[in-house]
Amino acid sequence: MDDTRTDAGELAEYGYQQELRRTLSAWAVFAIGFATISPVVGIYAVVQLGFVFAGPAWIWAVVVAFLGQLLVAVVYAELSSQFPITGGVYQWVRRLAGPRLGWLVGWIYLASAIASLTTVAYLGASWLYMLFADGTPSAATHVLLGVVFVVVALAINLLGVNPVKHFLNAGIIAEGVASIAVSLILLAFAHHNGFGILFDTLGAQGASGGSVTAGFLTCLAVAGWAFLGFDATTQVAEETEQPRRSVPRALLRAYLFVAFTVLLTGLAVTLALKRPEDAVSGSVTDPVFEAVTGGLGGWSEKPFIIVVLIAFFACAISIQTYIGRAVYAFARDRQLPFAPTLATVGHRQIPYVSLIATAVLAGLGLLLGLNGNAAATLIAFGSGGFYFIFLAVAVVALVARLTGRWNPGAGQVRLGRTGLVVNVLAVVWLLFEAVNIAWPRTELAPVGGSWIQVWAVVLVFSVLFLLGLGYVLAAKPHTKLADPVTSPNTEEVKAS
């Protein structure tokens, strides 16, 4: 049987034509998921703040975040095996809970995804500056270098799917060198601390008013960032061969491989630091770089920076890839202003207008970096949005599962009663972590920041929700659907 024809036929059952080219293999989808989650980006985004708030014991916050997000990844795998449609969470919620809630979830998802591209570009800019100069870049220089990341990611995506696959393969190789190989070398030849240090805070609780628990919770709020992005695989379902099987497998494999790499790197760095107390005090602002150059020697500085930069660029490229598809899916259903334009597919069979629009928005988000060190605020902002989306999807899936509106057994991933247990635990974890991330903390705001920055997650997403709700009430986008869906019908379940 012709798999391509079968995939196109299934897509037609959902009311869509095959506009995007199905050229992504299971490996290519894995590469997109791996590069988006990115162990290099994840570990470098959280390790500094982890040491400051929990000391060497920060690694246990990463373990907790990994286990919690594994539950979520399993729920997403179930959903993606049954609904292999570009749009991911928007499509799932629309079909399981109705188009209004689907629109709101999709709206906040887009904002969070764009914030994640801004964050990766902002963090990568520091490494780009280190390649050519010493010290710390000015705020304006930092922002301009971040724009370079966004522009490069856009340019490569506009070349088409095949160039993106090649760059992501290079990113995986860079991740392997920068994370796994270096970590093994550090563990074998350059560790300066015993395993007992993993249970010591070295006084880091001082940054949280003397409370070890408060410090660990703050660290856990940041650690959640390391396990975002596995849903990127679901956004390319319509470009994937045999997506019901390939997408969920790629999602879980990418997540587990990244988690292993993050934990290995975190362990190696913590044990390799000659003076971990300097990372706790903040006098060492980059524990990873300090551990690697200290363990391998000064000659490794520039090569290591280049390898890390490749990984950061791959991450930015993959994020841009799936954001463009998410906007395209929204616009294709006429759910956004200028929808016909945003849904345009070019001769390379890519949604190039959506890619350009999201790159512009991500670039504008970099302007936040002009106000001092915005890294913690950006991480909290991006993480908060994604965890609210994770929670919404997990709750919708659980309710639909319990009420019979969704039959998980119709998909390729069949967990039986175990799926219900996993779904319940995922909801519990996400309720806890969403509140933990949104909790106002002065220590995660820029030094001297205003109350607005302290409450950034709550305020920004409250505003986004109200704007989205206002748009739903005023514009009624759900009435513009070509195939309005208020609940999953029997035909959809049978088709699955």
Protein backbone atom coordinates (compact mmCIF):
# COMPACT_ATOMS: atom_id res chain seq x y z
CA MET A 1 0.00 0.00 0.00
CA ASP A 2 1.20 3.56 -0.77
CA ASP A 3 1.86 5.09 2.67
CA THR A 4 1.89 8.64 1.27
CA ARG A 5 -1.52 8.13 -0.29
CA THR A 6 -2.84 6.64 2.96
CA ASP A 7 -1.55 9.58 4.99
CA ALA A 8 -3.15 12.07 2.59
CA GLY A 9 -6.41 10.14 2.75
CA GLU A 10 -6.46 10.25 6.55
CA LEU A 11 -5.74 13.97 6.44
CA ALA A 12 -8.70 14.45 4.09
CA GLU A 13 -10.94 12.79 6.70
CA TYR A 14 -10.13 15.71 8.98
CA GLY A 15 -11.12 18.16 6.25
CA TYR A 16 -7.65 19.19 5.02
CA GLN A 17 -5.79 18.84 1.75
CA GLN A 18 -2.18 17.67 1.60
CA GLU A 19 -0.39 21.00 1.05
CA LEU A 20 2.88 20.30 2.86
CA ARG A 21 5.36 17.80 1.44
CA ARG A 22 5.70 14.49 3.30
CA THR A 23 9.47 14.11 3.28
CA LEU A 24 10.27 13.70 6.98
CA SER A 25 11.37 10.26 8.10
CA ALA A 26 11.14 9.01 11.68
CA TRP A 27 14.78 10.07 12.16
CA ALA A 28 14.10 13.59 10.86
CA VAL A 29 11.17 14.01 13.24
CA PHE A 30 13.37 12.76 16.09
CA ALA A 31 15.99 15.34 15.08
CA ILE A 32 13.41 18.14 15.27
CA GLY A 33 12.30 17.01 18.72
CA PHE A 34 15.85 16.53 19.98
CA ALA A 35 17.07 19.88 18.68
CA THR A 36 14.05 21.69 20.11
CA ILE A 37 14.35 20.21 23.60
CA SER A 38 18.15 20.51 23.21
CA PRO A 39 20.17 19.27 26.17
CA VAL A 40 22.80 21.96 25.56
CA VAL A 41 20.29 24.80 25.61
CA GLY A 42 18.40 23.25 28.49
CA ILE A 43 21.38 22.68 30.73
CA TYR A 44 23.00 26.05 30.09
CA ALA A 45 19.73 27.83 30.72
CA VAL A 46 19.21 26.31 34.18
CA VAL A 47 22.60 25.33 35.60
CA GLN A 48 23.66 28.81 36.73
CA LEU A 49 20.36 29.57 38.45
CA GLY A 50 20.25 26.02 39.79
CA PHE A 51 23.56 26.47 41.63
CA VAL A 52 22.52 29.87 42.98
CA PHE A 53 19.29 28.58 44.55
CA ALA A 54 20.06 24.94 45.46
CA GLY A 55 23.84 24.53 45.21
CA PRO A 56 25.15 21.14 43.97
CA ALA A 57 21.83 19.60 45.05
CA TRP A 58 20.23 21.38 42.07
CA ILE A 59 20.57 18.14 40.08
CA TRP A 60 17.67 16.61 42.04
CA ALA A 61 15.34 19.34 40.83
CA VAL A 62 16.23 18.27 37.29
CA VAL A 63 15.43 14.64 38.17
CA VAL A 64 12.00 15.64 39.53
CA ALA A 65 11.26 17.77 36.45
CA PHE A 66 12.30 14.90 34.19
CA LEU A 67 9.96 12.39 35.87
CA GLY A 68 7.05 14.84 35.91
CA GLN A 69 7.44 15.79 32.27
CA LEU A 70 7.79 12.14 31.26
CA LEU A 71 4.17 11.68 32.34
CA VAL A 72 3.15 14.60 30.12
CA ALA A 73 5.15 13.26 27.18
CA VAL A 74 3.29 9.94 27.40
CA VAL A 75 -0.09 11.72 27.28
CA TYR A 76 1.10 13.72 24.27
CA ALA A 77 2.26 10.51 22.59
CA GLU A 78 -1.23 9.04 23.00
CA LEU A 79 -2.86 12.13 21.51
CA SER A 80 -0.42 12.48 18.61
CA SER A 81 -0.90 8.84 17.62
CA GLN A 82 -4.62 9.44 17.18
CA PHE A 83 -4.66 12.98 15.75
CA PRO A 84 -1.73 13.24 13.27
CA ILE A 85 -2.51 16.82 12.26
CA THR A 86 -0.32 19.92 12.11
CA GLY A 87 -1.38 22.22 14.93
CA GLY A 88 -0.82 19.81 17.80
CA VAL A 89 -2.44 21.03 21.00
CA TYR A 90 -4.79 23.39 19.18
CA GLN A 91 -6.17 20.54 17.10
CA TRP A 92 -6.44 18.16 20.04
CA VAL A 93 -8.27 20.56 22.36
CA ARG A 94 -10.54 21.74 19.53
CA ARG A 95 -11.66 18.19 18.87
CA LEU A 96 -11.90 17.03 22.48
CA ALA A 97 -13.29 20.13 24.21
CA GLY A 98 -14.66 22.41 21.49
CA PRO A 99 -13.35 25.16 19.20
CA ARG A 100 -13.55 28.04 21.69
CA LEU A 101 -11.22 26.42 24.22
CA GLY A 102 -9.12 25.13 21.34
CA TRP A 103 -8.63 28.69 20.14
CA LEU A 104 -7.63 29.99 23.59
CA VAL A 105 -5.16 27.15 24.14
CA GLY A 106 -3.71 27.63 20.67
CA TRP A 107 -3.39 31.38 21.22
CA ILE A 108 -1.41 31.03 24.45
CA TYR A 109 0.63 28.23 22.90
CA LEU A 110 1.72 30.50 20.05
CA ALA A 111 2.73 33.25 22.50
CA SER A 112 4.73 30.78 24.60
CA ALA A 113 6.43 29.28 21.55
CA ILE A 114 7.49 32.69 20.29
CA ALA A 115 8.78 33.52 23.79
CA SER A 116 10.85 30.32 23.73
CA LEU A 117 12.49 31.37 20.44
CA THR A 118 13.26 34.75 21.97
CA THR A 119 14.77 33.05 25.02
CA VAL A 120 16.98 30.70 23.01
CA ALA A 121 18.19 33.60 20.84
CA TYR A 122 18.92 35.67 23.96
CA LEU A 123 20.86 32.87 25.65
CA GLY A 124 22.72 31.94 22.46
CA ALA A 125 23.79 35.55 21.98
CA SER A 126 26.08 35.26 25.01
CA TRP A 127 27.97 32.38 23.38
CA LEU A 128 28.18 34.22 20.08
CA TYR A 129 29.78 37.17 21.88
CA MET A 130 32.23 34.85 23.67
CA LEU A 131 33.44 33.59 20.30
CA PHE A 132 34.83 37.02 19.40
CA ALA A 133 35.35 38.92 22.64
CA ASP A 134 35.91 38.58 26.37
CA GLY A 135 33.74 39.95 29.13
CA THR A 136 30.02 40.65 29.05
CA PRO A 137 28.26 42.32 26.12
CA SER A 138 26.27 45.51 26.60
CA ALA A 139 22.50 45.19 26.64
CA ALA A 140 22.23 46.60 23.10
CA THR A 141 24.93 44.28 21.75
CA HIS A 142 23.28 41.31 23.44
CA VAL A 143 19.97 42.11 21.76
CA LEU A 144 21.58 42.60 18.33
CA LEU A 145 23.36 39.26 18.58
CA GLY A 146 20.06 37.67 19.55
CA VAL A 147 18.55 39.10 16.37
CA VAL A 148 21.31 37.32 14.43
CA PHE A 149 20.04 34.00 15.80
CA VAL A 150 16.47 34.75 14.75
CA VAL A 151 17.52 35.87 11.26
CA VAL A 152 19.71 32.81 10.67
CA ALA A 153 16.96 30.46 11.86
CA LEU A 154 14.47 32.15 9.53
CA ALA A 155 16.82 32.12 6.54
CA ILE A 156 17.51 28.39 6.84
CA ASN A 157 13.83 27.58 7.28
CA LEU A 158 12.97 29.56 4.16
CA LEU A 159 15.31 27.32 2.16
CA GLY A 160 12.95 24.40 2.66
CA VAL A 161 12.59 21.18 4.64
CA ASN A 162 15.70 19.39 3.34
CA PRO A 163 18.21 22.10 4.39
CA VAL A 164 16.56 22.18 7.80
CA LYS A 165 17.11 18.42 8.16
CA HIS A 166 20.81 18.78 7.35
CA PHE A 167 21.34 21.57 9.87
CA LEU A 168 19.49 19.66 12.58
CA ASN A 169 21.65 16.59 11.94
CA ALA A 170 24.69 18.82 12.46
CA GLY A 171 23.09 20.04 15.65
CA ILE A 172 22.65 16.51 16.97
CA ILE A 173 26.33 15.77 16.31
CA ALA A 174 27.28 18.99 18.11
CA GLU A 175 25.02 18.06 21.03
CA GLY A 176 26.68 14.66 21.24
CA VAL A 177 30.16 16.19 21.35
CA ALA A 178 29.29 19.08 23.65
CA SER A 179 27.24 17.04 26.07
CA ILE A 180 27.88 13.31 26.08
CA ALA A 181 31.53 13.07 25.03
CA VAL A 182 32.70 15.99 27.16
CA SER A 183 30.67 14.78 30.14
CA LEU A 184 32.20 11.31 29.98
CA ILE A 185 35.69 12.80 29.81
CA LEU A 186 34.99 15.03 32.81
CA LEU A 187 33.59 12.13 34.83
CA ALA A 188 36.54 9.89 33.99
CA PHE A 189 39.47 12.29 34.29
CA ALA A 190 38.46 15.63 35.77
CA HIS A 191 36.05 15.18 38.68
CA HIS A 192 37.10 17.06 41.81
CA ASN A 193 34.13 16.26 44.07
CA GLY A 194 32.62 13.08 45.42
CA PHE A 195 29.01 12.05 44.96
CA GLY A 196 28.24 13.28 48.47
CA ILE A 197 28.32 16.86 47.23
CA LEU A 198 25.10 16.20 45.31
CA PHE A 199 23.28 16.32 48.66
CA ASP A 200 24.86 19.60 49.79
CA THR A 201 23.50 23.09 49.12
CA LEU A 202 26.72 24.87 50.18
CA GLY A 203 24.59 27.62 51.72
CA ALA A 204 22.59 28.35 48.55
CA GLN A 205 19.43 28.63 50.62
CA GLY A 206 20.63 32.08 51.63
CA ALA A 207 19.32 33.36 48.30
CA SER A 208 15.84 32.19 49.34
CA GLY A 209 15.67 33.62 52.82
CA GLY A 210 17.48 30.70 54.42
CA SER A 211 14.90 28.09 53.39
CA VAL A 212 16.25 24.98 51.67
CA THR A 213 12.72 24.08 50.53
CA ALA A 214 12.11 27.50 49.01
CA GLY A 215 15.45 27.33 47.22
CA PHE A 216 14.67 23.88 45.83
CA LEU A 217 11.23 24.99 44.61
CA THR A 218 12.77 27.98 42.88
CA CYS A 219 15.32 25.69 41.27
CA LEU A 220 12.54 23.32 40.22
CA ALA A 221 10.65 26.21 38.60
CA VAL A 222 13.71 26.95 36.47
CA ALA A 223 14.54 23.27 35.85
CA GLY A 224 11.23 22.82 34.07
CA TRP A 225 12.70 24.76 31.14
CA ALA A 226 15.09 21.90 30.37
CA PHE A 227 12.21 19.62 29.34
CA LEU A 228 10.19 21.78 26.99
CA GLY A 229 9.80 21.28 23.25
CA PHE A 230 9.05 17.58 22.83
CA ASP A 231 5.70 18.59 21.30
CA ALA A 232 7.58 20.07 18.33
CA THR A 233 7.33 16.64 16.71
CA THR A 234 3.54 16.95 16.61
CA GLN A 235 3.69 20.16 14.57
CA VAL A 236 5.23 18.42 11.56
CA ALA A 237 2.77 15.52 11.48
CA GLU A 238 1.53 16.45 8.01
CA GLU A 239 5.09 16.38 6.68
CA THR A 240 5.92 13.01 8.26
CA GLU A 241 5.69 9.58 6.70
CA GLN A 242 3.31 7.32 8.66
CA PRO A 243 2.77 9.97 11.35
CA ARG A 244 0.54 7.89 13.63
CA ARG A 245 3.52 5.66 14.34
CA SER A 246 6.50 7.92 13.65
CA VAL A 247 5.46 11.05 15.57
CA PRO A 248 4.76 9.53 19.03
CA ARG A 249 7.84 7.31 18.80
CA ALA A 250 10.04 10.24 17.84
CA LEU A 251 8.51 12.32 20.65
CA LEU A 252 9.30 9.78 23.37
CA ARG A 253 12.73 8.86 22.02
CA ALA A 254 13.79 12.49 21.72
CA TYR A 255 12.56 13.22 25.23
CA LEU A 256 14.32 10.26 26.84
CA PHE A 257 17.59 10.83 24.98
CA VAL A 258 17.62 14.52 25.90
CA ALA A 259 16.79 13.74 29.52
CA PHE A 260 19.66 11.27 29.73
CA THR A 261 22.04 13.83 28.22
CA VAL A 262 20.88 16.65 30.52
CA LEU A 263 21.29 14.52 33.64
CA LEU A 264 24.68 13.23 32.52
CA THR A 265 25.95 16.74 31.79
CA GLY A 266 24.56 18.13 35.03
CA LEU A 267 26.26 15.38 37.02
CA ALA A 268 29.58 15.79 35.22
CA VAL A 269 29.65 19.57 35.62
CA THR A 270 28.74 19.44 39.30
CA LEU A 271 31.44 16.89 40.09
CA ALA A 272 34.08 18.63 37.92
CA LEU A 273 33.91 22.13 39.41
CA LYS A 274 37.01 22.85 41.42
CA ARG A 275 35.23 25.41 43.56
CA PRO A 276 31.45 24.77 43.42
CA GLU A 277 30.94 27.37 46.13
CA ASP A 278 31.93 30.02 43.56
CA ALA A 279 29.01 28.92 41.39
CA VAL A 280 26.72 29.24 44.40
CA SER A 281 27.94 32.75 45.21
CA GLY A 282 27.65 33.83 41.59
CA SER A 283 31.32 34.68 41.14
CA VAL A 284 31.41 31.91 38.51
CA THR A 285 28.60 32.92 36.17
CA ASP A 286 28.94 29.96 33.82
CA PRO A 287 29.58 26.70 35.71
CA VAL A 288 29.52 24.59 32.54
CA PHE A 289 32.17 26.62 30.75
CA GLU A 290 34.26 26.75 33.93
CA ALA A 291 34.07 22.98 34.39
CA VAL A 292 34.88 22.15 30.76
CA THR A 293 37.81 24.54 30.29
CA GLY A 294 39.12 23.75 33.75
CA GLY A 295 38.95 20.02 33.11
CA LEU A 296 40.15 19.93 29.49
CA GLY A 297 42.51 22.90 29.50
CA GLY A 298 42.51 26.37 27.96
CA TRP A 299 42.90 25.02 24.42
CA SER A 300 39.30 23.75 24.54
CA GLU A 301 37.73 27.16 25.02
CA LYS A 302 37.07 28.24 21.41
CA PRO A 303 36.28 24.75 20.02
CA PHE A 304 33.81 24.22 22.82
CA ILE A 305 32.13 27.58 22.15
CA ILE A 306 31.76 26.69 18.45
CA VAL A 307 30.17 23.33 19.24
CA VAL A 308 27.76 24.93 21.70
CA LEU A 309 26.87 27.62 19.16
CA ILE A 310 25.97 24.98 16.57
CA ALA A 311 23.63 23.39 19.10
CA PHE A 312 22.04 26.76 19.90
CA PHE A 313 21.52 27.55 16.22
CA ALA A 314 20.00 24.09 15.64
CA CYS A 315 17.62 24.69 18.53
CA ALA A 316 16.59 28.09 17.16
CA ILE A 317 16.05 26.59 13.69
CA SER A 318 13.87 23.76 15.00
CA ILE A 319 11.80 26.12 17.17
CA GLN A 320 11.26 28.38 14.18
CA THR A 321 10.23 25.31 12.15
CA TYR A 322 7.46 24.23 14.47
CA ILE A 323 6.22 27.74 15.32
CA GLY A 324 5.72 28.43 11.63
CA ARG A 325 3.66 25.23 11.31
CA ALA A 326 1.58 26.10 14.38
CA VAL A 327 0.67 29.51 12.96
CA TYR A 328 -0.06 27.92 9.58
CA ALA A 329 -2.46 25.43 11.19
CA PHE A 330 -4.23 28.24 13.03
CA ALA A 331 -4.47 30.41 9.92
CA ARG A 332 -5.59 27.52 7.70
CA ASP A 333 -8.68 27.25 9.90
CA ARG A 334 -9.23 31.03 9.53
CA GLN A 335 -8.62 31.55 13.23
CA LEU A 336 -6.27 34.55 12.95
CA PRO A 337 -6.37 38.01 11.42
CA PHE A 338 -4.87 37.99 7.89
CA ALA A 339 -5.44 34.22 7.90
CA PRO A 340 -5.35 33.71 4.11
CA THR A 341 -1.94 35.40 3.94
CA LEU A 342 -0.51 33.57 6.96
CA ALA A 343 -1.69 30.24 5.55
CA THR A 344 0.17 30.77 2.28
CA VAL A 345 2.34 27.84 1.23
CA GLY A 346 5.19 28.71 -1.16
CA HIS A 347 6.71 26.76 -4.02
CA ARG A 348 9.00 24.98 -1.57
CA GLN A 349 5.84 23.75 0.18
CA ILE A 350 6.55 25.59 3.41
CA PRO A 351 4.37 28.19 5.20
CA TYR A 352 6.86 31.00 4.55
CA VAL A 353 4.60 33.90 5.59
CA SER A 354 3.97 32.34 9.00
CA LEU A 355 7.70 31.77 9.42
CA ILE A 356 8.48 35.41 8.68
CA ALA A 357 5.73 36.73 10.97
CA THR A 358 6.86 34.65 13.96
CA ALA A 359 10.50 35.63 13.42
CA VAL A 360 9.54 39.31 13.55
CA LEU A 361 7.59 38.82 16.78
CA ALA A 362 10.44 36.86 18.39
CA GLY A 363 12.86 39.61 17.39
CA LEU A 364 10.65 42.24 19.01
CA GLY A 365 10.61 40.14 22.19
CA LEU A 366 14.38 40.52 22.39
CA LEU A 367 13.85 44.18 23.25
CA LEU A 368 13.10 43.00 26.78
CA GLY A 369 16.83 42.29 27.02
CA LEU A 370 17.54 46.01 26.98
CA ASN A 371 16.42 46.14 30.61
CA GLY A 372 19.37 44.44 32.28
CA ASN A 373 19.73 40.68 32.54
CA ALA A 374 16.37 39.38 31.36
CA ALA A 375 17.37 35.70 31.22
CA ALA A 376 15.50 34.60 34.35
CA THR A 377 12.39 36.58 33.42
CA LEU A 378 12.38 35.19 29.87
CA ILE A 379 12.84 31.62 31.10
CA ALA A 380 10.02 32.01 33.63
CA PHE A 381 7.80 33.67 31.01
CA GLY A 382 8.35 30.94 28.43
CA SER A 383 8.16 28.07 30.92
CA GLY A 384 5.00 29.43 32.54
CA GLY A 385 3.12 29.60 29.27
CA PHE A 386 4.07 26.09 28.21
CA TYR A 387 3.17 24.59 31.57
CA PHE A 388 -0.26 26.24 31.45
CA ILE A 389 -0.71 24.65 28.02
CA PHE A 390 0.52 21.27 29.25
CA LEU A 391 -1.99 21.48 32.10
CA ALA A 392 -4.88 22.46 29.82
CA VAL A 393 -4.16 19.59 27.43
CA ALA A 394 -3.74 17.03 30.23
CA VAL A 395 -7.00 18.11 31.90
CA VAL A 396 -8.91 18.05 28.58
CA ALA A 397 -7.50 14.60 27.81
CA LEU A 398 -8.43 13.31 31.27
CA VAL A 399 -12.00 14.65 31.14
CA ALA A 400 -12.50 13.35 27.59
CA ARG A 401 -11.10 9.97 28.64
CA LEU A 402 -13.40 9.70 31.67
CA THR A 403 -16.52 10.87 29.84
CA GLY A 404 -15.97 8.63 26.82
CA ARG A 405 -15.48 11.55 24.45
CA TRP A 406 -12.03 10.19 23.61
CA ASN A 407 -11.03 6.58 23.09
CA PRO A 408 -7.21 6.39 23.46
CA GLY A 409 -7.30 2.77 22.33
CA ALA A 410 -8.06 3.94 18.79
CA GLY A 411 -4.54 5.30 18.36
CA GLN A 412 -1.19 3.58 17.77
CA VAL A 413 -0.11 4.14 21.40
CA ARG A 414 -2.30 1.88 23.53
CA LEU A 415 -1.67 1.90 27.28
CA GLY A 416 -5.01 0.62 28.54
CA ARG A 417 -5.71 1.44 32.20
CA THR A 418 -2.11 2.53 32.65
CA GLY A 419 -2.89 5.48 30.40
CA LEU A 420 -5.53 6.73 32.84
CA VAL A 421 -3.12 6.50 35.79
CA VAL A 422 -0.44 8.35 33.82
CA ASN A 423 -2.96 11.04 32.81
CA VAL A 424 -4.07 11.61 36.42
CA LEU A 425 -0.48 11.84 37.66
CA ALA A 426 0.37 14.24 34.81
CA VAL A 427 -2.45 16.56 35.88
CA VAL A 428 -1.27 16.51 39.51
CA TRP A 429 2.32 17.25 38.49
CA LEU A 430 1.33 20.06 36.15
CA LEU A 431 -0.95 21.72 38.70
CA PHE A 432 1.97 21.82 41.11
CA GLU A 433 4.59 22.96 38.60
CA ALA A 434 2.40 25.56 36.89
CA VAL A 435 1.74 27.23 40.26
CA ASN A 436 5.40 26.87 41.22
CA ILE A 437 6.59 28.58 38.04
CA ALA A 438 4.00 31.34 38.22
CA TRP A 439 4.71 32.05 41.91
CA PRO A 440 6.05 35.63 42.19
CA ARG A 441 9.72 35.56 43.21
CA THR A 442 11.95 38.58 43.48
CA GLU A 443 15.02 36.37 43.03
CA LEU A 444 13.97 35.48 39.48
CA ALA A 445 13.41 39.09 38.45
CA PRO A 446 16.21 41.38 37.21
CA VAL A 447 18.14 43.09 40.00
CA GLY A 448 16.15 46.10 41.11
CA GLY A 449 13.22 44.98 38.98
CA SER A 450 9.75 46.37 39.56
CA TRP A 451 6.75 44.43 40.88
CA ILE A 452 5.62 44.01 37.29
CA GLN A 453 8.70 41.91 36.55
CA VAL A 454 8.21 39.90 39.76
CA TRP A 455 4.65 39.07 38.70
CA ALA A 456 5.60 38.75 35.01
CA VAL A 457 4.26 35.23 34.43
CA VAL A 458 0.88 35.86 36.05
CA LEU A 459 0.42 39.31 34.53
CA VAL A 460 1.51 38.48 30.99
CA PHE A 461 -0.58 35.37 30.68
CA SER A 462 -3.58 36.97 32.37
CA VAL A 463 -3.39 39.70 29.74
CA LEU A 464 -2.96 37.12 26.97
CA PHE A 465 -5.94 35.15 28.24
CA LEU A 466 -8.16 38.23 28.46
CA LEU A 467 -7.11 39.37 24.99
CA GLY A 468 -7.79 35.90 23.62
CA LEU A 469 -11.15 35.68 25.38
CA GLY A 470 -12.07 39.13 24.06
CA TYR A 471 -11.17 38.06 20.53
CA VAL A 472 -13.26 34.89 20.84
CA LEU A 473 -16.28 36.87 22.04
CA ALA A 474 -15.92 39.66 19.50
CA ALA A 475 -14.63 37.95 16.35
CA LYS A 476 -16.12 34.49 17.01
CA PRO A 477 -13.32 32.66 15.15
CA HIS A 478 -14.93 29.29 15.88
CA THR A 479 -17.74 30.19 13.49
CA LYS A 480 -15.25 30.52 10.63
CA LEU A 481 -14.16 26.90 10.74
CA ALA A 482 -14.76 25.01 7.52
CA ASP A 483 -15.50 21.92 9.64
CA PRO A 484 -16.81 23.27 12.96
CA VAL A 485 -16.24 20.67 15.68
CA THR A 486 -17.82 20.91 19.11
CA SER A 487 -16.89 17.40 20.22
CA PRO A 488 -15.20 14.35 18.71
CA ASN A 489 -17.75 12.42 16.71
CA THR A 490 -17.90 8.73 16.02
CA GLU A 491 -16.58 9.16 12.49
CA GLU A 492 -13.37 10.76 13.82
CA VAL A 493 -12.87 7.97 16.35
CA LYS A 494 -13.44 5.30 13.71
CA ALA A 495 -11.11 7.07 11.32
CA SER A 496 -8.44 7.00 14.00
